[in-house]
Amino acid sequence: MTLKAVIFDIGGVVVGSPLFAINRYEKDHGLPFEYLNVAITAQGHGGAFQQFERSELDLYTFYRRFGEELSNVEKNNEAYIKFCKSRGQEVPELPSKLQVDGRELFGRMMKESTKVDPKMRNAIMRLKASGKFKIAALTNNFAPPTEIPNTLQDGASKAPSLEEELERLGFGASQSDLKSLFDFYIESAVVGKRKPDPEFYKYALDLLKVQATEVVFLDDIGPNLKSAQKLGITTIRKYPSRLQVLRASSSA
């Protein structure tokens, strides 16, 4: 069947990966590589991060719960041990206690996700210019806050202004510029579903008015690609460059 649409993930494909920011946070706090990423995934469908990307939590409730979940060493150590064993890796020394600042970590993740890869930008623009394909983004994201409480729920005495928090999270001119690259910008926070839920992909196919076999989908996360493949979508995995990996591992 003829290719009619190309769908791009955003974080880790079109812009920098928040995983790099997580890895740097791990290094800064003496945690094993991928410890927090494994912990986020281990929370499952009802985790704070997962709920936040479906617009089921407000920003500051998310910050608090995100930090609490990632600070639960009993649950997260168990998940990391399983992760290591599944890959035949030796289990490193694990934390006996941990206090993750959910707001700080998420802010780092969002800062990493504001930098558009110029090569990907050029590729998208060339595809659009050809006039042969519908170009879409399919992203797990979150709705920007519309108000800030008088006091932060993590105990800080004074909350930042709404404008300061929006800027800190990467909402601004760069966000509008990013969306303008695509014919369709499909957001988990708007739809109420997130990858790898098959229904999120089906929503995108219906919106674009294409069949699964008429689509190529690019993502950097295996489970997201596998879910698309099961629907008959052709997938391409975007891997980080060696330079990106080096920067992530060496940054303080």
Protein backbone atom coordinates (compact mmCIF):
# COMPACT_ATOMS: atom_id res chain seq x y z
CA MET A 1 0.00 0.00 0.00
CA THR A 2 1.20 3.55 -0.74
CA LEU A 3 2.76 5.53 2.09
CA LYS A 4 0.52 8.47 2.94
CA ALA A 5 1.65 9.70 6.36
CA VAL A 6 4.72 10.00 8.57
CA ILE A 7 4.16 10.28 12.32
CA PHE A 8 6.90 11.50 14.66
CA ASP A 9 7.32 11.12 18.38
CA ILE A 10 8.61 14.38 19.88
CA GLY A 11 10.85 13.79 22.92
CA GLY A 12 13.97 11.87 21.92
CA VAL A 13 13.15 12.12 18.21
CA VAL A 14 12.46 15.71 17.17
CA VAL A 15 13.76 17.31 20.37
CA GLY A 16 16.20 16.18 23.04
CA SER A 17 15.29 13.19 25.16
CA PRO A 18 14.16 13.76 28.76
CA LEU A 19 15.86 10.44 29.50
CA PHE A 20 19.22 12.22 29.30
CA ALA A 21 18.11 14.63 32.03
CA ILE A 22 16.98 11.70 34.17
CA ASN A 23 20.36 10.02 33.67
CA ARG A 24 22.18 13.19 34.76
CA TYR A 25 19.96 13.46 37.84
CA GLU A 26 20.84 9.85 38.67
CA LYS A 27 24.53 10.60 38.34
CA ASP A 28 24.26 13.76 40.45
CA HIS A 29 22.61 11.78 43.25
CA GLY A 30 24.79 8.67 43.10
CA LEU A 31 22.07 6.42 41.68
CA PRO A 32 22.62 3.52 39.27
CA PHE A 33 22.16 4.24 35.58
CA GLU A 34 18.47 4.02 34.56
CA TYR A 35 17.33 3.63 38.18
CA LEU A 36 14.78 6.44 38.02
CA ASN A 37 13.66 5.63 34.49
CA VAL A 38 12.93 2.06 35.60
CA ALA A 39 11.10 3.44 38.64
CA ILE A 40 8.90 5.69 36.50
CA THR A 41 7.96 2.80 34.23
CA ALA A 42 7.34 0.49 37.20
CA GLN A 43 4.54 2.73 38.49
CA GLY A 44 2.38 1.46 35.63
CA HIS A 45 -0.89 2.93 34.32
CA GLY A 46 -1.71 4.61 37.63
CA GLY A 47 1.68 6.25 38.18
CA ALA A 48 1.90 10.02 38.64
CA PHE A 49 3.85 10.53 35.41
CA GLN A 50 1.42 8.39 33.42
CA GLN A 51 -1.62 10.12 34.92
CA PHE A 52 -0.12 13.56 34.36
CA GLU A 53 0.32 12.87 30.66
CA ARG A 54 -3.38 12.04 30.46
CA SER A 55 -4.31 15.32 32.23
CA GLU A 56 -5.58 13.45 35.28
CA LEU A 57 -3.40 15.40 37.76
CA ASP A 58 -2.72 19.10 38.17
CA LEU A 59 0.89 20.24 38.02
CA TYR A 60 1.65 20.57 41.71
CA THR A 61 -0.14 17.40 42.71
CA PHE A 62 2.00 15.73 40.07
CA TYR A 63 5.22 17.24 41.43
CA ARG A 64 4.44 15.94 44.92
CA ARG A 65 3.36 12.45 43.88
CA PHE A 66 6.17 12.12 41.32
CA GLY A 67 8.73 12.82 44.03
CA GLU A 68 7.05 10.50 46.51
CA GLU A 69 6.87 7.59 44.06
CA LEU A 70 10.49 7.93 42.98
CA SER A 71 11.60 8.16 46.62
CA ASN A 72 10.03 4.78 47.47
CA VAL A 73 13.24 2.76 47.56
CA GLU A 74 11.57 -0.49 48.63
CA LYS A 75 9.37 -0.64 45.53
CA ASN A 76 11.91 0.88 43.16
CA ASN A 77 14.82 -1.29 44.30
CA GLU A 78 12.69 -4.35 43.63
CA ALA A 79 11.87 -3.06 40.13
CA TYR A 80 15.54 -2.30 39.42
CA ILE A 81 16.67 -5.75 40.56
CA LYS A 82 14.18 -7.30 38.12
CA PHE A 83 15.44 -4.93 35.40
CA CYS A 84 19.06 -6.00 35.95
CA LYS A 85 18.23 -9.71 36.06
CA SER A 86 16.19 -9.49 32.85
CA ARG A 87 19.30 -8.17 31.11
CA GLY A 88 21.79 -10.48 32.77
CA GLN A 89 23.44 -7.54 34.55
CA GLU A 90 24.99 -7.56 37.99
CA VAL A 91 22.87 -5.64 40.50
CA PRO A 92 24.83 -2.60 41.74
CA GLU A 93 24.60 -1.07 45.20
CA LEU A 94 21.09 0.33 45.62
CA PRO A 95 19.95 3.27 47.77
CA SER A 96 18.65 2.61 51.28
CA LYS A 97 16.86 5.95 51.32
CA LEU A 98 16.15 8.61 48.73
CA GLN A 99 14.45 11.99 48.50
CA VAL A 100 13.66 12.92 44.90
CA ASP A 101 12.49 16.48 44.28
CA GLY A 102 9.75 15.92 41.70
CA ARG A 103 9.68 19.54 40.57
CA GLU A 104 13.44 19.77 40.11
CA LEU A 105 13.66 16.52 38.17
CA PHE A 106 10.72 17.31 35.92
CA GLY A 107 12.10 20.79 35.24
CA ARG A 108 15.37 19.25 34.09
CA MET A 109 13.48 16.82 31.86
CA MET A 110 11.52 19.62 30.20
CA LYS A 111 14.60 21.79 29.67
CA GLU A 112 16.20 18.92 27.76
CA SER A 113 13.06 18.59 25.65
CA THR A 114 13.05 22.14 24.26
CA LYS A 115 16.00 21.72 21.89
CA VAL A 116 14.93 20.84 18.34
CA ASP A 117 17.33 18.59 16.43
CA PRO A 118 18.21 20.61 13.29
CA LYS A 119 18.59 17.44 11.21
CA MET A 120 15.11 16.28 12.16
CA ARG A 121 13.71 19.73 11.46
CA ASN A 122 15.20 19.65 7.97
CA ALA A 123 13.89 16.13 7.34
CA ILE A 124 10.36 17.13 8.37
CA MET A 125 10.45 20.25 6.21
CA ARG A 126 11.61 18.24 3.19
CA LEU A 127 8.83 15.70 3.67
CA LYS A 128 6.26 18.49 3.91
CA ALA A 129 7.67 20.26 0.87
CA SER A 130 7.29 17.11 -1.22
CA GLY A 131 3.52 17.34 -0.83
CA LYS A 132 3.28 13.55 -0.76
CA PHE A 133 2.68 12.92 2.93
CA LYS A 134 0.63 14.02 5.89
CA ILE A 135 3.06 14.94 8.65
CA ALA A 136 1.99 14.41 12.25
CA ALA A 137 3.36 14.40 15.77
CA LEU A 138 2.13 11.85 18.31
CA THR A 139 3.41 12.86 21.71
CA ASN A 140 2.99 11.98 25.36
CA ASN A 141 2.92 15.40 26.96
CA PHE A 142 1.12 17.48 29.57
CA ALA A 143 -1.18 20.48 29.66
CA PRO A 144 0.50 23.74 30.73
CA PRO A 145 -0.56 25.08 34.13
CA THR A 146 -3.10 27.90 34.15
CA GLU A 147 -2.59 28.94 37.76
CA ILE A 148 -0.04 28.59 40.52
CA PRO A 149 -0.97 28.00 44.19
CA ASN A 150 0.03 30.56 46.82
CA THR A 151 2.45 28.10 48.38
CA LEU A 152 4.17 25.16 46.79
CA GLN A 153 2.97 21.80 47.98
CA ASP A 154 6.54 20.64 48.50
CA GLY A 155 6.95 23.09 51.38
CA ALA A 156 8.54 26.10 49.68
CA SER A 157 7.37 29.41 51.15
CA LYS A 158 6.67 31.22 47.91
CA ALA A 159 5.52 29.93 44.54
CA PRO A 160 6.98 31.31 41.31
CA SER A 161 4.75 33.36 39.05
CA LEU A 162 2.79 31.51 36.38
CA GLU A 163 5.00 33.09 33.71
CA GLU A 164 8.16 31.90 35.48
CA GLU A 165 6.86 28.35 35.80
CA LEU A 166 5.74 28.24 32.15
CA GLU A 167 9.15 29.47 31.00
CA ARG A 168 10.86 26.94 33.25
CA LEU A 169 8.84 24.14 31.63
CA GLY A 170 9.61 25.26 28.08
CA PHE A 171 6.34 26.89 27.07
CA GLY A 172 6.94 29.86 24.83
CA ALA A 173 7.85 30.77 21.27
CA SER A 174 9.85 27.56 20.81
CA GLN A 175 6.76 25.46 21.56
CA SER A 176 4.71 27.27 18.89
CA ASP A 177 7.56 26.92 16.42
CA LEU A 178 7.72 23.18 17.09
CA LYS A 179 4.00 22.64 16.51
CA SER A 180 4.13 24.60 13.25
CA LEU A 181 6.35 21.90 11.73
CA PHE A 182 3.42 19.47 11.62
CA ASP A 183 0.09 19.20 9.84
CA PHE A 184 -1.29 17.44 12.92
CA TYR A 185 -0.01 17.73 16.49
CA ILE A 186 -1.63 14.97 18.55
CA GLU A 187 -1.16 15.28 22.32
CA SER A 188 -1.83 12.79 25.09
CA ALA A 189 -2.83 15.64 27.39
CA VAL A 190 -5.60 16.63 24.97
CA VAL A 191 -6.77 13.18 23.88
CA GLY A 192 -6.61 11.61 27.35
CA LYS A 193 -4.66 8.60 26.08
CA ARG A 194 -0.91 8.00 25.85
CA LYS A 195 1.54 5.72 24.11
CA PRO A 196 1.75 2.73 24.13
CA ASP A 197 -2.07 2.52 24.43
CA PRO A 198 -3.27 1.14 21.03
CA GLU A 199 -6.28 3.45 21.20
CA PHE A 200 -3.99 6.48 20.99
CA TYR A 201 -2.57 5.23 17.69
CA LYS A 202 -6.05 4.41 16.39
CA TYR A 203 -7.12 7.95 17.25
CA ALA A 204 -4.22 9.28 15.16
CA LEU A 205 -5.08 7.04 12.21
CA ASP A 206 -8.70 8.18 12.28
CA LEU A 207 -7.68 11.83 12.49
CA LEU A 208 -5.29 11.51 9.55
CA LYS A 209 -7.82 9.36 7.64
CA VAL A 210 -5.21 6.72 6.81
CA GLN A 211 -4.82 2.99 7.27
CA ALA A 212 -2.12 1.57 9.54
CA THR A 213 -0.28 0.12 6.55
CA GLU A 214 -0.06 3.60 4.99
CA VAL A 215 1.95 5.03 7.89
CA VAL A 216 5.55 5.16 9.09
CA PHE A 217 6.04 5.97 12.78
CA LEU A 218 9.30 7.14 14.40
CA ASP A 219 9.90 6.79 18.14
CA ASP A 220 12.83 6.17 20.49
CA ILE A 221 11.06 3.88 22.97
CA GLY A 222 10.65 0.17 22.29
CA PRO A 223 7.21 -0.43 23.84
CA ASN A 224 5.77 2.49 21.86
CA LEU A 225 7.06 0.98 18.62
CA LYS A 226 5.87 -2.53 19.46
CA SER A 227 2.35 -1.27 20.10
CA ALA A 228 2.31 0.48 16.73
CA GLN A 229 3.69 -2.59 14.96
CA LYS A 230 0.86 -4.75 16.32
CA LEU A 231 -1.57 -2.47 14.49
CA GLY A 232 0.30 -2.90 11.22
CA ILE A 233 2.21 0.39 11.31
CA THR A 234 5.75 0.41 9.91
CA THR A 235 8.14 1.72 12.56
CA ILE A 236 11.59 3.26 12.73
CA ARG A 237 13.51 3.50 15.99
CA LYS A 238 15.50 6.66 16.58
CA TYR A 239 18.61 5.96 18.62
CA PRO A 240 20.63 8.68 20.36
CA SER A 241 23.92 9.56 18.72
CA ARG A 242 27.17 8.57 20.39
CA LEU A 243 27.82 12.24 21.09
CA GLN A 244 24.46 12.60 22.86
CA VAL A 245 25.18 9.54 25.00
CA LEU A 246 28.65 10.88 25.86
CA ARG A 247 27.24 14.26 26.87
CA ALA A 248 24.56 12.63 29.00
CA SER A 249 27.05 10.42 30.81
CA SER A 250 29.66 13.12 31.36
CA SER A 251 27.52 16.13 32.28
CA ALA A 252 27.47 17.11 35.92
